[in-house]
Amino acid sequence: MSRPQRKRRGLRKVTLVPARALPLLREAGVLVPEGEPEIVYGYLDRSGAPRRVIARYADGWRADLRIRVDGSFSLTQSLRLKVTG
């Protein structure tokens, strides 16, 4: 049984060109490997301003940048690891 997908009111999900997302990520202080991310998703508000940017890198790093209306932001970075036993 699948769960219905949640809708974010007022935000729309778009696929961003990695080169265009890099300045936002670097300004926020993302500490990830050099180079461009593999996949970058953005959530834009009704005026087209970015409110969230999610970047996934080939080596497992992920950066999640959330931008508030007043210009402040929060940044979360994580690394996906495989544990073998």
PDB file of N, CA and C in Angstrom:
ATOM      1  N   MET A   1       0.844  -1.182   0.000  1.00  0.00           N
ATOM      2  CA  MET A   1       0.000   0.000   0.000  1.00  0.00           C
ATOM      3  C   MET A   1       0.888   1.243   0.000  1.00  0.00           C
ATOM      4  N   SER A   2       0.723   2.069  -0.989  1.00  0.00           N
ATOM      5  CA  SER A   2       1.549   3.270  -1.069  1.00  0.00           C
ATOM      6  C   SER A   2       0.858   4.441  -0.378  1.00  0.00           C
ATOM      7  N   ARG A   3       1.694   5.297   0.178  1.00  0.00           N
ATOM      8  CA  ARG A   3       1.173   6.475   0.860  1.00  0.00           C
ATOM      9  C   ARG A   3       1.034   7.605  -0.154  1.00  0.00           C
ATOM     10  N   PRO A   4       0.028   8.425   0.000  1.00  0.00           N
ATOM     11  CA  PRO A   4      -0.110   9.551  -0.928  1.00  0.00           C
ATOM     12  C   PRO A   4       1.056  10.521  -0.742  1.00  0.00           C
ATOM     13  N   GLN A   5       1.525  11.083  -1.847  1.00  0.00           N
ATOM     14  CA  GLN A   5       2.637  12.011  -1.795  1.00  0.00           C
ATOM     15  C   GLN A   5       2.176  13.340  -1.207  1.00  0.00           C
ATOM     16  N   ARG A   6       2.980  13.860  -0.270  1.00  0.00           N
ATOM     17  CA  ARG A   6       2.655  15.142   0.349  1.00  0.00           C
ATOM     18  C   ARG A   6       2.912  16.272  -0.625  1.00  0.00           C
ATOM     19  N   LYS A   7       2.092  17.282  -0.561  1.00  0.00           N
ATOM     20  CA  LYS A   7       2.289  18.461  -1.394  1.00  0.00           C
ATOM     21  C   LYS A   7       2.808  19.594  -0.524  1.00  0.00           C
ATOM     22  N   ARG A   8       3.778  20.306  -1.050  1.00  0.00           N
ATOM     23  CA  ARG A   8       4.268  21.512  -0.387  1.00  0.00           C
ATOM     24  C   ARG A   8       3.521  22.683  -1.004  1.00  0.00           C
ATOM     25  N   ARG A   9       2.758  23.345  -0.228  1.00  0.00           N
ATOM     26  CA  ARG A   9       1.972  24.452  -0.755  1.00  0.00           C
ATOM     27  C   ARG A   9       2.871  25.611  -1.131  1.00  0.00           C
ATOM     28  N   GLY A  10       2.719  26.053  -2.351  1.00  0.00           N
ATOM     29  CA  GLY A  10       3.453  27.214  -2.805  1.00  0.00           C
ATOM     30  C   GLY A  10       4.854  26.920  -3.310  1.00  0.00           C
ATOM     31  N   LEU A  11       5.386  25.728  -3.079  1.00  0.00           N
ATOM     32  CA  LEU A  11       6.713  25.392  -3.572  1.00  0.00           C
ATOM     33  C   LEU A  11       6.590  24.357  -4.676  1.00  0.00           C
ATOM     34  N   ARG A  12       7.429  24.514  -5.709  1.00  0.00           N
ATOM     35  CA  ARG A  12       7.419  23.504  -6.764  1.00  0.00           C
ATOM     36  C   ARG A  12       8.824  22.965  -6.940  1.00  0.00           C
ATOM     37  N   LYS A  13       8.889  21.666  -7.147  1.00  0.00           N
ATOM     38  CA  LYS A  13      10.168  20.983  -7.273  1.00  0.00           C
ATOM     39  C   LYS A  13      10.650  21.051  -8.718  1.00  0.00           C
ATOM     40  N   VAL A  14      11.917  21.412  -8.887  1.00  0.00           N
ATOM     41  CA  VAL A  14      12.521  21.485 -10.218  1.00  0.00           C
ATOM     42  C   VAL A  14      13.902  20.833 -10.157  1.00  0.00           C
ATOM     43  N   THR A  15      14.370  20.358 -11.290  1.00  0.00           N
ATOM     44  CA  THR A  15      15.729  19.865 -11.394  1.00  0.00           C
ATOM     45  C   THR A  15      16.606  21.025 -11.817  1.00  0.00           C
ATOM     46  N   LEU A  16      17.651  21.295 -11.048  1.00  0.00           N
ATOM     47  CA  LEU A  16      18.535  22.421 -11.333  1.00  0.00           C
ATOM     48  C   LEU A  16      19.796  21.948 -12.047  1.00  0.00           C
ATOM     49  N   VAL A  17      20.372  22.822 -12.839  1.00  0.00           N
ATOM     50  CA  VAL A  17      21.665  22.556 -13.463  1.00  0.00           C
ATOM     51  C   VAL A  17      22.716  22.694 -12.356  1.00  0.00           C
ATOM     52  N   PRO A  18      23.547  21.662 -12.141  1.00  0.00           N
ATOM     53  CA  PRO A  18      24.520  21.714 -11.043  1.00  0.00           C
ATOM     54  C   PRO A  18      25.399  22.958 -11.044  1.00  0.00           C
ATOM     55  N   ALA A  19      25.840  23.408 -12.199  1.00  0.00           N
ATOM     56  CA  ALA A  19      26.712  24.584 -12.252  1.00  0.00           C
ATOM     57  C   ALA A  19      26.015  25.842 -11.739  1.00  0.00           C
ATOM     58  N   ARG A  20      24.699  25.922 -11.900  1.00  0.00           N
ATOM     59  CA  ARG A  20      23.964  27.101 -11.423  1.00  0.00           C
ATOM     60  C   ARG A  20      23.687  27.028  -9.932  1.00  0.00           C
ATOM     61  N   ALA A  21      23.677  25.821  -9.362  1.00  0.00           N
ATOM     62  CA  ALA A  21      23.411  25.657  -7.936  1.00  0.00           C
ATOM     63  C   ALA A  21      24.676  25.816  -7.090  1.00  0.00           C
ATOM     64  N   LEU A  22      25.843  25.610  -7.696  1.00  0.00           N
ATOM     65  CA  LEU A  22      27.093  25.670  -6.940  1.00  0.00           C
ATOM     66  C   LEU A  22      27.327  27.008  -6.225  1.00  0.00           C
ATOM     67  N   PRO A  23      27.060  28.162  -6.846  1.00  0.00           N
ATOM     68  CA  PRO A  23      27.273  29.411  -6.105  1.00  0.00           C
ATOM     69  C   PRO A  23      26.446  29.502  -4.821  1.00  0.00           C
ATOM     70  N   LEU A  24      25.202  29.054  -4.856  1.00  0.00           N
ATOM     71  CA  LEU A  24      24.375  29.055  -3.647  1.00  0.00           C
ATOM     72  C   LEU A  24      24.973  28.150  -2.576  1.00  0.00           C
ATOM     73  N   LEU A  25      25.399  26.955  -2.976  1.00  0.00           N
ATOM     74  CA  LEU A  25      25.952  26.000  -2.022  1.00  0.00           C
ATOM     75  C   LEU A  25      27.271  26.500  -1.441  1.00  0.00           C
ATOM     76  N   ARG A  26      28.120  27.064  -2.265  1.00  0.00           N
ATOM     77  CA  ARG A  26      29.416  27.566  -1.785  1.00  0.00           C
ATOM     78  C   ARG A  26      29.233  28.757  -0.848  1.00  0.00           C
ATOM     79  N   GLU A  27      28.287  29.629  -1.179  1.00  0.00           N
ATOM     80  CA  GLU A  27      28.025  30.792  -0.312  1.00  0.00           C
ATOM     81  C   GLU A  27      27.543  30.344   1.063  1.00  0.00           C
ATOM     82  N   ALA A  28      26.812  29.241   1.098  1.00  0.00           N
ATOM     83  CA  ALA A  28      26.307  28.719   2.371  1.00  0.00           C
ATOM     84  C   ALA A  28      27.388  27.990   3.158  1.00  0.00           C
ATOM     85  N   GLY A  29      28.518  27.680   2.508  1.00  0.00           N
ATOM     86  CA  GLY A  29      29.613  27.031   3.223  1.00  0.00           C
ATOM     87  C   GLY A  29      29.597  25.521   3.154  1.00  0.00           C
ATOM     88  N   VAL A  30      29.090  24.965   2.083  1.00  0.00           N
ATOM     89  CA  VAL A  30      29.036  23.514   1.944  1.00  0.00           C
ATOM     90  C   VAL A  30      30.455  22.959   1.899  1.00  0.00           C
ATOM     91  N   LEU A  31      30.745  21.973   2.743  1.00  0.00           N
ATOM     92  CA  LEU A  31      32.052  21.332   2.795  1.00  0.00           C
ATOM     93  C   LEU A  31      31.940  19.931   2.200  1.00  0.00           C
ATOM     94  N   VAL A  32      31.875  19.875   0.913  1.00  0.00           N
ATOM     95  CA  VAL A  32      31.768  18.597   0.215  1.00  0.00           C
ATOM     96  C   VAL A  32      32.903  18.512  -0.802  1.00  0.00           C
ATOM     97  N   PRO A  33      33.080  17.374  -1.437  1.00  0.00           N
ATOM     98  CA  PRO A  33      34.179  17.217  -2.387  1.00  0.00           C
ATOM     99  C   PRO A  33      34.127  18.249  -3.517  1.00  0.00           C
ATOM    100  N   GLU A  34      35.283  18.473  -4.103  1.00  0.00           N
ATOM    101  CA  GLU A  34      35.361  19.370  -5.250  1.00  0.00           C
ATOM    102  C   GLU A  34      34.571  18.790  -6.411  1.00  0.00           C
ATOM    103  N   GLY A  35      34.159  19.654  -7.299  1.00  0.00           N
ATOM    104  CA  GLY A  35      33.413  19.201  -8.462  1.00  0.00           C
ATOM    105  C   GLY A  35      31.927  19.446  -8.299  1.00  0.00           C
ATOM    106  N   GLU A  36      31.209  19.119  -9.347  1.00  0.00           N
ATOM    107  CA  GLU A  36      29.768  19.337  -9.357  1.00  0.00           C
ATOM    108  C   GLU A  36      29.026  18.143  -8.786  1.00  0.00           C
ATOM    109  N   PRO A  37      27.875  18.389  -8.183  1.00  0.00           N
ATOM    110  CA  PRO A  37      27.040  17.284  -7.717  1.00  0.00           C
ATOM    111  C   PRO A  37      26.440  16.519  -8.895  1.00  0.00           C
ATOM    112  N   GLU A  38      26.082  15.263  -8.646  1.00  0.00           N
ATOM    113  CA  GLU A  38      25.431  14.456  -9.681  1.00  0.00           C
ATOM    114  C   GLU A  38      24.031  14.964  -9.977  1.00  0.00           C
ATOM    115  N   ILE A  39      23.264  15.154  -8.914  1.00  0.00           N
ATOM    116  CA  ILE A  39      21.854  15.538  -9.034  1.00  0.00           C
ATOM    117  C   ILE A  39      21.596  16.728  -8.117  1.00  0.00           C
ATOM    118  N   VAL A  40      20.871  17.712  -8.621  1.00  0.00           N
ATOM    119  CA  VAL A  40      20.491  18.863  -7.804  1.00  0.00           C
ATOM    120  C   VAL A  40      19.006  19.127  -8.010  1.00  0.00           C
ATOM    121  N   TYR A  41      18.266  19.129  -6.914  1.00  0.00           N
ATOM    122  CA  TYR A  41      16.852  19.480  -6.938  1.00  0.00           C
ATOM    123  C   TYR A  41      16.679  20.804  -6.227  1.00  0.00           C
ATOM    124  N   GLY A  42      15.759  21.594  -6.708  1.00  0.00           N
ATOM    125  CA  GLY A  42      15.448  22.853  -6.059  1.00  0.00           C
ATOM    126  C   GLY A  42      13.955  22.972  -5.841  1.00  0.00           C
ATOM    127  N   TYR A  43      13.589  23.697  -4.814  1.00  0.00           N
ATOM    128  CA  TYR A  43      12.185  24.007  -4.553  1.00  0.00           C
ATOM    129  C   TYR A  43      12.060  25.518  -4.639  1.00  0.00           C
ATOM    130  N   LEU A  44      11.238  25.970  -5.568  1.00  0.00           N
ATOM    131  CA  LEU A  44      11.059  27.398  -5.808  1.00  0.00           C
ATOM    132  C   LEU A  44       9.713  27.857  -5.272  1.00  0.00           C
ATOM    133  N   ASP A  45       9.678  29.089  -4.767  1.00  0.00           N
ATOM    134  CA  ASP A  45       8.395  29.628  -4.323  1.00  0.00           C
ATOM    135  C   ASP A  45       7.645  30.195  -5.528  1.00  0.00           C
ATOM    136  N   ARG A  46       6.524  30.815  -5.285  1.00  0.00           N
ATOM    137  CA  ARG A  46       5.681  31.301  -6.382  1.00  0.00           C
ATOM    138  C   ARG A  46       6.357  32.362  -7.229  1.00  0.00           C
ATOM    139  N   SER A  47       7.287  33.126  -6.622  1.00  0.00           N
ATOM    140  CA  SER A  47       7.984  34.168  -7.372  1.00  0.00           C
ATOM    141  C   SER A  47       9.220  33.636  -8.100  1.00  0.00           C
ATOM    142  N   GLY A  48       9.534  32.350  -7.918  1.00  0.00           N
ATOM    143  CA  GLY A  48      10.681  31.748  -8.593  1.00  0.00           C
ATOM    144  C   GLY A  48      11.965  31.791  -7.785  1.00  0.00           C
ATOM    145  N   ALA A  49      11.894  32.284  -6.553  1.00  0.00           N
ATOM    146  CA  ALA A  49      13.082  32.335  -5.697  1.00  0.00           C
ATOM    147  C   ALA A  49      13.328  30.956  -5.073  1.00  0.00           C
ATOM    148  N   PRO A  50      14.589  30.528  -4.986  1.00  0.00           N
ATOM    149  CA  PRO A  50      14.871  29.216  -4.385  1.00  0.00           C
ATOM    150  C   PRO A  50      14.621  29.244  -2.881  1.00  0.00           C
ATOM    151  N   ARG A  51      13.970  28.223  -2.374  1.00  0.00           N
ATOM    152  CA  ARG A  51      13.715  28.085  -0.942  1.00  0.00           C
ATOM    153  C   ARG A  51      14.409  26.861  -0.363  1.00  0.00           C
ATOM    154  N   ARG A  52      14.763  25.903  -1.229  1.00  0.00           N
ATOM    155  CA  ARG A  52      15.460  24.707  -0.770  1.00  0.00           C
ATOM    156  C   ARG A  52      16.269  24.155  -1.938  1.00  0.00           C
ATOM    157  N   VAL A  53      17.496  23.724  -1.648  1.00  0.00           N
ATOM    158  CA  VAL A  53      18.354  23.111  -2.652  1.00  0.00           C
ATOM    159  C   VAL A  53      18.910  21.825  -2.056  1.00  0.00           C
ATOM    160  N   ILE A  54      18.740  20.720  -2.768  1.00  0.00           N
ATOM    161  CA  ILE A  54      19.274  19.433  -2.343  1.00  0.00           C
ATOM    162  C   ILE A  54      20.249  18.969  -3.404  1.00  0.00           C
ATOM    163  N   ALA A  55      21.502  18.747  -3.006  1.00  0.00           N
ATOM    164  CA  ALA A  55      22.542  18.311  -3.942  1.00  0.00           C
ATOM    165  C   ALA A  55      23.068  16.953  -3.490  1.00  0.00           C
ATOM    166  N   ARG A  56      23.174  16.022  -4.437  1.00  0.00           N
ATOM    167  CA  ARG A  56      23.710  14.685  -4.149  1.00  0.00           C
ATOM    168  C   ARG A  56      24.973  14.474  -4.973  1.00  0.00           C
ATOM    169  N   TYR A  57      26.027  14.062  -4.294  1.00  0.00           N
ATOM    170  CA  TYR A  57      27.325  13.844  -4.932  1.00  0.00           C
ATOM    171  C   TYR A  57      27.561  12.350  -5.147  1.00  0.00           C
ATOM    172  N   ALA A  58      28.446  12.037  -6.091  1.00  0.00           N
ATOM    173  CA  ALA A  58      28.702  10.647  -6.486  1.00  0.00           C
ATOM    174  C   ALA A  58      29.284   9.811  -5.356  1.00  0.00           C
ATOM    175  N   ASP A  59      30.055  10.418  -4.465  1.00  0.00           N
ATOM    176  CA  ASP A  59      30.709   9.646  -3.410  1.00  0.00           C
ATOM    177  C   ASP A  59      29.858   9.479  -2.150  1.00  0.00           C
ATOM    178  N   GLY A  60      28.573   9.841  -2.215  1.00  0.00           N
ATOM    179  CA  GLY A  60      27.675   9.612  -1.089  1.00  0.00           C
ATOM    180  C   GLY A  60      27.306  10.841  -0.285  1.00  0.00           C
ATOM    181  N   TRP A  61      27.967  11.965  -0.511  1.00  0.00           N
ATOM    182  CA  TRP A  61      27.636  13.184   0.225  1.00  0.00           C
ATOM    183  C   TRP A  61      26.318  13.766  -0.262  1.00  0.00           C
ATOM    184  N   ARG A  62      25.616  14.381   0.662  1.00  0.00           N
ATOM    185  CA  ARG A  62      24.364  15.076   0.351  1.00  0.00           C
ATOM    186  C   ARG A  62      24.350  16.393   1.122  1.00  0.00           C
ATOM    187  N   ALA A  63      23.950  17.469   0.455  1.00  0.00           N
ATOM    188  CA  ALA A  63      23.818  18.774   1.096  1.00  0.00           C
ATOM    189  C   ALA A  63      22.376  19.244   0.924  1.00  0.00           C
ATOM    190  N   ASP A  64      21.780  19.703   2.008  1.00  0.00           N
ATOM    191  CA  ASP A  64      20.395  20.178   2.006  1.00  0.00           C
ATOM    192  C   ASP A  64      20.396  21.611   2.548  1.00  0.00           C
ATOM    193  N   LEU A  65      20.149  22.567   1.670  1.00  0.00           N
ATOM    194  CA  LEU A  65      20.157  23.984   2.015  1.00  0.00           C
ATOM    195  C   LEU A  65      18.724  24.493   2.024  1.00  0.00           C
ATOM    196  N   ARG A  66      18.294  25.062   3.154  1.00  0.00           N
ATOM    197  CA  ARG A  66      16.951  25.634   3.272  1.00  0.00           C
ATOM    198  C   ARG A  66      17.075  27.133   3.467  1.00  0.00           C
ATOM    199  N   ILE A  67      16.447  27.874   2.568  1.00  0.00           N
ATOM    200  CA  ILE A  67      16.554  29.330   2.570  1.00  0.00           C
ATOM    201  C   ILE A  67      15.215  29.926   3.001  1.00  0.00           C
ATOM    202  N   ARG A  68      15.260  30.747   4.045  1.00  0.00           N
ATOM    203  CA  ARG A  68      14.037  31.368   4.557  1.00  0.00           C
ATOM    204  C   ARG A  68      13.742  32.668   3.811  1.00  0.00           C
ATOM    205  N   VAL A  69      12.548  33.179   3.976  1.00  0.00           N
ATOM    206  CA  VAL A  69      12.116  34.398   3.286  1.00  0.00           C
ATOM    207  C   VAL A  69      12.993  35.584   3.658  1.00  0.00           C
ATOM    208  N   ASP A  70      13.448  35.654   4.901  1.00  0.00           N
ATOM    209  CA  ASP A  70      14.273  36.784   5.331  1.00  0.00           C
ATOM    210  C   ASP A  70      15.731  36.674   4.870  1.00  0.00           C
ATOM    211  N   GLY A  71      16.087  35.596   4.156  1.00  0.00           N
ATOM    212  CA  GLY A  71      17.446  35.440   3.636  1.00  0.00           C
ATOM    213  C   GLY A  71      18.344  34.576   4.497  1.00  0.00           C
ATOM    214  N   SER A  72      17.916  34.282   5.725  1.00  0.00           N
ATOM    215  CA  SER A  72      18.716  33.385   6.559  1.00  0.00           C
ATOM    216  C   SER A  72      18.548  31.956   6.037  1.00  0.00           C
ATOM    217  N   PHE A  73      19.434  31.071   6.432  1.00  0.00           N
ATOM    218  CA  PHE A  73      19.375  29.718   5.906  1.00  0.00           C
ATOM    219  C   PHE A  73      19.868  28.710   6.935  1.00  0.00           C
ATOM    220  N   SER A  74      19.563  27.455   6.691  1.00  0.00           N
ATOM    221  CA  SER A  74      20.125  26.361   7.472  1.00  0.00           C
ATOM    222  C   SER A  74      20.673  25.337   6.482  1.00  0.00           C
ATOM    223  N   LEU A  75      21.752  24.703   6.872  1.00  0.00           N
ATOM    224  CA  LEU A  75      22.436  23.767   6.002  1.00  0.00           C
ATOM    225  C   LEU A  75      22.656  22.456   6.736  1.00  0.00           C
ATOM    226  N   THR A  76      22.317  21.361   6.095  1.00  0.00           N
ATOM    227  CA  THR A  76      22.558  20.025   6.640  1.00  0.00           C
ATOM    228  C   THR A  76      23.370  19.253   5.615  1.00  0.00           C
ATOM    229  N   GLN A  77      24.425  18.586   6.087  1.00  0.00           N
ATOM    230  CA  GLN A  77      25.232  17.750   5.216  1.00  0.00           C
ATOM    231  C   GLN A  77      25.293  16.352   5.809  1.00  0.00           C
ATOM    232  N   SER A  78      25.271  15.366   4.938  1.00  0.00           N
ATOM    233  CA  SER A  78      25.351  13.994   5.425  1.00  0.00           C
ATOM    234  C   SER A  78      26.129  13.150   4.436  1.00  0.00           C
ATOM    235  N   LEU A  79      26.645  12.024   4.929  1.00  0.00           N
ATOM    236  CA  LEU A  79      27.423  11.104   4.122  1.00  0.00           C
ATOM    237  C   LEU A  79      26.797   9.724   4.252  1.00  0.00           C
ATOM    238  N   ARG A  80      26.506   9.107   3.134  1.00  0.00           N
ATOM    239  CA  ARG A  80      25.942   7.752   3.130  1.00  0.00           C
ATOM    240  C   ARG A  80      27.094   6.762   3.126  1.00  0.00           C
ATOM    241  N   LEU A  81      27.079   5.850   4.084  1.00  0.00           N
ATOM    242  CA  LEU A  81      28.119   4.838   4.206  1.00  0.00           C
ATOM    243  C   LEU A  81      27.513   3.446   4.125  1.00  0.00           C
ATOM    244  N   LYS A  82      28.269   2.519   3.567  1.00  0.00           N
ATOM    245  CA  LYS A  82      27.846   1.118   3.570  1.00  0.00           C
ATOM    246  C   LYS A  82      28.655   0.395   4.622  1.00  0.00           C
ATOM    247  N   VAL A  83      27.977  -0.340   5.483  1.00  0.00           N
ATOM    248  CA  VAL A  83      28.637  -1.104   6.525  1.00  0.00           C
ATOM    249  C   VAL A  83      28.555  -2.575   6.105  1.00  0.00           C
ATOM    250  N   THR A  84      29.709  -3.181   5.980  1.00  0.00           N
ATOM    251  CA  THR A  84      29.734  -4.600   5.616  1.00  0.00           C
ATOM    252  C   THR A  84      30.237  -5.378   6.817  1.00  0.00           C
ATOM    253  N   GLY A  85      29.714  -6.563   6.949  1.00  0.00           N
ATOM    254  CA  GLY A  85      30.075  -7.322   8.148  1.00  0.00           C
ATOM    255  C   GLY A  85      30.541  -8.646   7.900  1.00  0.00           C
TER     256      GLY A  85
END
